[in-house]
N, C-alpha and C. Protein backbone atom coordinates (compact mmCIF):
# COMPACT_ATOMS: atom_id res chain seq x y z
N MET A 1 87.94 101.20 108.54
CA MET A 1 88.14 102.11 107.43
C MET A 1 89.54 102.71 107.51
N THR A 2 90.07 103.04 106.36
CA THR A 2 91.33 103.76 106.24
C THR A 2 91.16 104.78 105.13
N TYR A 3 92.12 105.63 104.98
CA TYR A 3 92.12 106.58 103.87
C TYR A 3 93.13 106.10 102.84
N VAL A 4 92.89 106.47 101.57
CA VAL A 4 93.79 106.10 100.49
C VAL A 4 94.08 107.32 99.63
N VAL A 5 95.23 107.32 99.02
CA VAL A 5 95.61 108.36 98.07
C VAL A 5 95.26 107.84 96.68
N THR A 6 94.67 108.70 95.86
CA THR A 6 94.18 108.29 94.54
C THR A 6 94.92 109.01 93.41
N ASP A 7 94.43 108.78 92.22
CA ASP A 7 94.96 109.28 90.95
C ASP A 7 95.34 110.76 90.97
N ALA A 8 94.58 111.59 91.65
CA ALA A 8 94.81 113.04 91.61
C ALA A 8 96.18 113.43 92.16
N CYS A 9 96.79 112.60 92.97
CA CYS A 9 98.11 112.90 93.55
C CYS A 9 99.24 112.68 92.54
N ILE A 10 99.03 111.81 91.60
CA ILE A 10 100.08 111.45 90.64
C ILE A 10 100.51 112.68 89.83
N ALA A 11 101.80 112.88 89.75
CA ALA A 11 102.42 113.99 89.02
C ALA A 11 102.24 115.33 89.70
N CYS A 12 101.71 115.34 90.93
CA CYS A 12 101.55 116.56 91.70
C CYS A 12 102.36 116.48 93.00
N LYS A 13 102.02 115.52 93.84
CA LYS A 13 102.70 115.22 95.10
C LYS A 13 102.75 116.42 96.04
N TYR A 14 101.58 117.01 96.27
CA TYR A 14 101.48 118.03 97.33
C TYR A 14 101.61 117.29 98.65
N THR A 15 102.24 117.89 99.63
CA THR A 15 102.47 117.18 100.88
C THR A 15 101.89 117.89 102.10
N ASP A 16 100.89 118.71 101.90
CA ASP A 16 100.21 119.36 103.02
C ASP A 16 99.64 118.30 103.97
N CYS A 17 99.20 117.20 103.42
CA CYS A 17 98.62 116.10 104.18
C CYS A 17 99.63 115.47 105.14
N VAL A 18 100.85 115.36 104.70
CA VAL A 18 101.91 114.73 105.49
C VAL A 18 102.16 115.53 106.76
N GLU A 19 102.12 116.83 106.61
CA GLU A 19 102.42 117.73 107.71
C GLU A 19 101.44 117.60 108.87
N VAL A 20 100.19 117.22 108.60
CA VAL A 20 99.17 117.12 109.66
C VAL A 20 98.95 115.70 110.18
N CYS A 21 99.52 114.71 109.54
CA CYS A 21 99.29 113.32 109.94
C CYS A 21 99.90 113.03 111.31
N PRO A 22 99.09 112.61 112.29
CA PRO A 22 99.61 112.36 113.63
C PRO A 22 100.38 111.05 113.77
N VAL A 23 100.28 110.16 112.78
CA VAL A 23 100.95 108.86 112.90
C VAL A 23 101.97 108.58 111.80
N ASP A 24 102.27 109.58 111.00
CA ASP A 24 103.30 109.46 109.96
C ASP A 24 103.10 108.23 109.06
N CYS A 25 101.91 108.11 108.49
CA CYS A 25 101.62 106.92 107.68
C CYS A 25 101.71 107.17 106.17
N PHE A 26 102.36 108.26 105.76
CA PHE A 26 102.54 108.55 104.34
C PHE A 26 103.88 108.02 103.86
N TYR A 27 103.86 107.49 102.64
CA TYR A 27 105.06 106.95 102.02
C TYR A 27 105.21 107.60 100.65
N GLU A 28 106.46 107.86 100.27
CA GLU A 28 106.73 108.66 99.10
C GLU A 28 107.25 107.86 97.92
N GLY A 29 106.52 107.98 96.82
CA GLY A 29 106.99 107.46 95.55
C GLY A 29 107.63 108.58 94.75
N GLU A 30 108.15 108.24 93.62
CA GLU A 30 108.81 109.23 92.77
C GLU A 30 107.86 110.37 92.40
N ASN A 31 106.58 110.03 92.14
CA ASN A 31 105.67 111.10 91.73
C ASN A 31 104.28 111.05 92.38
N MET A 32 104.17 110.39 93.53
CA MET A 32 102.93 110.43 94.31
C MET A 32 103.20 109.94 95.72
N LEU A 33 102.21 110.07 96.57
CA LEU A 33 102.27 109.56 97.93
C LEU A 33 101.26 108.44 98.07
N VAL A 34 101.45 107.59 99.07
CA VAL A 34 100.45 106.60 99.45
C VAL A 34 100.33 106.60 100.97
N ILE A 35 99.22 106.06 101.45
CA ILE A 35 98.98 105.91 102.88
C ILE A 35 99.08 104.43 103.23
N HIS A 36 99.81 104.12 104.29
CA HIS A 36 99.89 102.72 104.74
C HIS A 36 98.59 102.42 105.50
N PRO A 37 97.73 101.54 104.95
CA PRO A 37 96.42 101.30 105.55
C PRO A 37 96.47 100.68 106.95
N GLU A 38 97.54 99.98 107.28
CA GLU A 38 97.64 99.38 108.61
C GLU A 38 98.14 100.38 109.65
N GLU A 39 98.68 101.50 109.20
CA GLU A 39 99.16 102.53 110.12
C GLU A 39 98.17 103.68 110.28
N CYS A 40 97.33 103.89 109.29
CA CYS A 40 96.34 104.97 109.31
C CYS A 40 95.35 104.72 110.45
N ILE A 41 95.08 105.76 111.23
CA ILE A 41 94.14 105.62 112.36
C ILE A 41 92.77 106.19 112.02
N ASP A 42 92.54 106.48 110.76
CA ASP A 42 91.23 106.93 110.28
C ASP A 42 90.77 108.25 110.91
N CYS A 43 91.70 109.11 111.26
CA CYS A 43 91.33 110.37 111.89
C CYS A 43 90.78 111.36 110.88
N GLY A 44 91.20 111.26 109.63
CA GLY A 44 90.67 112.11 108.57
C GLY A 44 91.26 113.50 108.47
N VAL A 45 92.26 113.84 109.28
CA VAL A 45 92.80 115.20 109.22
C VAL A 45 93.52 115.49 107.91
N CYS A 46 93.99 114.48 107.23
CA CYS A 46 94.71 114.67 105.97
C CYS A 46 93.79 115.02 104.81
N GLU A 47 92.59 114.48 104.83
CA GLU A 47 91.69 114.62 103.68
C GLU A 47 91.44 116.08 103.28
N PRO A 48 91.06 116.96 104.19
CA PRO A 48 90.80 118.35 103.77
C PRO A 48 92.06 119.15 103.43
N GLU A 49 93.22 118.64 103.79
CA GLU A 49 94.47 119.34 103.51
C GLU A 49 94.94 119.19 102.08
N CYS A 50 94.46 118.17 101.38
CA CYS A 50 94.92 117.92 100.02
C CYS A 50 94.26 118.91 99.05
N PRO A 51 95.07 119.75 98.39
CA PRO A 51 94.49 120.75 97.50
C PRO A 51 93.86 120.18 96.23
N VAL A 52 94.16 118.92 95.90
CA VAL A 52 93.58 118.31 94.69
C VAL A 52 92.58 117.21 95.03
N GLU A 53 92.23 117.10 96.31
CA GLU A 53 91.24 116.11 96.77
C GLU A 53 91.60 114.68 96.37
N ALA A 54 92.88 114.35 96.54
CA ALA A 54 93.36 113.01 96.18
C ALA A 54 93.16 111.99 97.29
N ILE A 55 92.82 112.43 98.49
CA ILE A 55 92.67 111.50 99.62
C ILE A 55 91.19 111.26 99.89
N VAL A 56 90.83 109.97 99.90
CA VAL A 56 89.43 109.59 100.14
C VAL A 56 89.38 108.41 101.11
N PRO A 57 88.24 108.24 101.78
CA PRO A 57 88.09 107.03 102.60
C PRO A 57 88.08 105.80 101.69
N ASP A 58 88.58 104.69 102.19
CA ASP A 58 88.59 103.48 101.35
C ASP A 58 87.18 103.02 100.99
N THR A 59 86.19 103.48 101.73
CA THR A 59 84.80 103.13 101.40
C THR A 59 84.35 103.81 100.10
N ASP A 60 85.07 104.84 99.67
CA ASP A 60 84.77 105.51 98.40
C ASP A 60 85.56 104.90 97.23
N ASP A 61 86.38 103.92 97.53
CA ASP A 61 87.21 103.25 96.54
C ASP A 61 86.44 102.02 96.06
N ASP A 62 85.52 102.23 95.12
CA ASP A 62 84.54 101.21 94.71
C ASP A 62 85.10 99.83 94.44
N ASN A 63 86.16 99.73 93.67
CA ASN A 63 86.66 98.40 93.33
C ASN A 63 87.92 98.01 94.11
N GLY A 64 88.33 98.85 95.05
CA GLY A 64 89.49 98.53 95.89
C GLY A 64 90.84 98.73 95.22
N LYS A 65 90.84 99.31 94.03
CA LYS A 65 92.09 99.53 93.28
C LYS A 65 93.07 100.39 94.07
N TRP A 66 92.59 101.48 94.65
CA TRP A 66 93.50 102.40 95.35
C TRP A 66 93.97 101.83 96.68
N LEU A 67 93.13 101.07 97.34
CA LEU A 67 93.56 100.40 98.57
C LEU A 67 94.69 99.42 98.25
N GLU A 68 94.56 98.71 97.16
CA GLU A 68 95.60 97.77 96.73
C GLU A 68 96.91 98.50 96.39
N ILE A 69 96.82 99.60 95.65
CA ILE A 69 98.01 100.37 95.28
C ILE A 69 98.67 100.96 96.52
N ASN A 70 97.87 101.55 97.42
CA ASN A 70 98.43 102.13 98.64
C ASN A 70 99.11 101.07 99.49
N THR A 71 98.48 99.92 99.63
CA THR A 71 99.04 98.82 100.43
C THR A 71 100.35 98.33 99.84
N LYS A 72 100.36 98.11 98.53
CA LYS A 72 101.55 97.58 97.86
C LYS A 72 102.75 98.52 98.00
N TYR A 73 102.56 99.79 97.69
CA TYR A 73 103.70 100.70 97.65
C TYR A 73 104.10 101.23 99.02
N ALA A 74 103.20 101.25 99.98
CA ALA A 74 103.56 101.66 101.34
C ALA A 74 104.56 100.68 101.95
N SER A 75 104.58 99.46 101.44
CA SER A 75 105.50 98.45 101.94
C SER A 75 106.92 98.62 101.41
N SER A 76 107.07 99.34 100.29
CA SER A 76 108.40 99.43 99.69
C SER A 76 108.92 100.85 99.52
N TRP A 77 108.07 101.84 99.59
CA TRP A 77 108.52 103.22 99.46
C TRP A 77 108.93 103.76 100.82
N PRO A 78 109.81 104.78 100.85
CA PRO A 78 110.25 105.34 102.13
C PRO A 78 109.17 106.21 102.79
N ASN A 79 109.21 106.24 104.10
CA ASN A 79 108.29 107.05 104.89
C ASN A 79 108.62 108.53 104.70
N LEU A 80 107.57 109.34 104.64
CA LEU A 80 107.74 110.79 104.54
C LEU A 80 106.98 111.41 105.70
N THR A 81 107.66 112.22 106.51
CA THR A 81 107.04 112.78 107.72
C THR A 81 107.06 114.31 107.74
N ARG A 82 107.51 114.91 106.67
CA ARG A 82 107.57 116.37 106.64
C ARG A 82 107.12 116.88 105.28
N LYS A 83 106.72 118.12 105.26
CA LYS A 83 106.27 118.74 104.01
C LYS A 83 107.49 119.02 103.12
N ILE A 84 107.34 118.71 101.84
CA ILE A 84 108.35 119.02 100.84
C ILE A 84 107.67 119.76 99.69
N ASP A 85 108.45 120.29 98.78
CA ASP A 85 107.88 121.00 97.63
C ASP A 85 107.16 120.01 96.71
N GLN A 86 106.05 120.47 96.15
CA GLN A 86 105.33 119.65 95.17
C GLN A 86 106.17 119.55 93.90
N LEU A 87 105.78 118.68 93.01
CA LEU A 87 106.50 118.50 91.75
C LEU A 87 106.38 119.77 90.90
N PRO A 88 107.37 120.03 90.04
CA PRO A 88 107.41 121.28 89.28
C PRO A 88 106.15 121.58 88.44
N ASP A 89 105.54 120.60 87.83
CA ASP A 89 104.36 120.83 87.00
C ASP A 89 103.05 120.51 87.73
N ALA A 90 103.09 120.47 89.04
CA ALA A 90 101.92 120.05 89.83
C ALA A 90 100.68 120.88 89.53
N ASP A 91 100.80 122.17 89.50
CA ASP A 91 99.62 123.01 89.27
C ASP A 91 99.03 122.78 87.89
N ALA A 92 99.88 122.59 86.90
CA ALA A 92 99.41 122.37 85.53
C ALA A 92 98.73 121.01 85.37
N LYS A 93 99.17 120.01 86.14
CA LYS A 93 98.63 118.66 85.99
C LYS A 93 97.55 118.32 87.03
N ALA A 94 97.28 119.23 87.93
CA ALA A 94 96.36 118.96 89.03
C ALA A 94 94.96 118.52 88.59
N GLU A 95 94.46 119.06 87.53
CA GLU A 95 93.08 118.75 87.09
C GLU A 95 93.00 117.62 86.07
N GLU A 96 94.12 117.09 85.65
CA GLU A 96 94.11 116.02 84.65
C GLU A 96 93.44 114.77 85.18
N LYS A 97 92.83 114.03 84.31
CA LYS A 97 92.22 112.74 84.64
C LYS A 97 93.06 111.63 84.01
N GLY A 98 92.92 110.41 84.52
CA GLY A 98 93.62 109.27 83.95
C GLY A 98 95.13 109.29 84.14
N LYS A 99 95.58 109.87 85.25
CA LYS A 99 97.01 110.01 85.46
C LYS A 99 97.70 108.70 85.80
N LEU A 100 96.98 107.71 86.29
CA LEU A 100 97.59 106.42 86.61
C LEU A 100 98.24 105.82 85.37
N GLU A 101 97.53 105.81 84.29
CA GLU A 101 98.04 105.24 83.04
C GLU A 101 99.11 106.12 82.39
N LYS A 102 98.99 107.43 82.55
CA LYS A 102 99.90 108.37 81.89
C LYS A 102 101.23 108.57 82.62
N TYR A 103 101.16 108.73 83.95
CA TYR A 103 102.34 109.22 84.66
C TYR A 103 102.85 108.36 85.81
N PHE A 104 102.08 107.42 86.31
CA PHE A 104 102.47 106.70 87.52
C PHE A 104 103.85 106.06 87.40
N SER A 105 104.66 106.23 88.44
CA SER A 105 105.96 105.58 88.52
C SER A 105 106.00 104.70 89.76
N PRO A 106 106.41 103.45 89.62
CA PRO A 106 106.54 102.57 90.79
C PRO A 106 107.81 102.81 91.59
N ASN A 107 108.65 103.72 91.12
CA ASN A 107 109.92 104.00 91.79
C ASN A 107 109.71 104.76 93.09
N PRO A 108 110.54 104.47 94.08
CA PRO A 108 110.42 105.16 95.36
C PRO A 108 110.89 106.61 95.27
N GLY A 109 110.41 107.42 96.22
CA GLY A 109 110.91 108.78 96.36
C GLY A 109 112.10 108.79 97.29
N ASP A 110 112.45 109.97 97.78
CA ASP A 110 113.61 110.11 98.65
C ASP A 110 113.30 109.85 100.12
N GLY A 111 112.05 110.10 100.54
CA GLY A 111 111.70 109.93 101.95
C GLY A 111 112.38 110.98 102.80
N ASP A 112 112.43 110.71 104.10
CA ASP A 112 113.02 111.68 105.02
C ASP A 112 114.51 111.60 105.05
């Protein structure tokens, strides 16, 4: 099992999870984070830190869509190992649904 970042992170990018990760397996996109599934040690410390509950075990990812997205972008986005400010409209967009289609950007973030 691994953990994956889901739709709720898009357009928010809270990084409380990054700060507690013991293996630095978070990667930063322009407007969301992903977890590298081969680096995640399944400790689960990141899951309760996410204020929008965007992190779930891959066993909760019914069709594997989020595992695929996390795997794909963790290979090309830069590693993020420290907490940074969330996106400017994060609080306003935190409860929105369907953010993958509305806001997702495949562009990398700045990383460390």
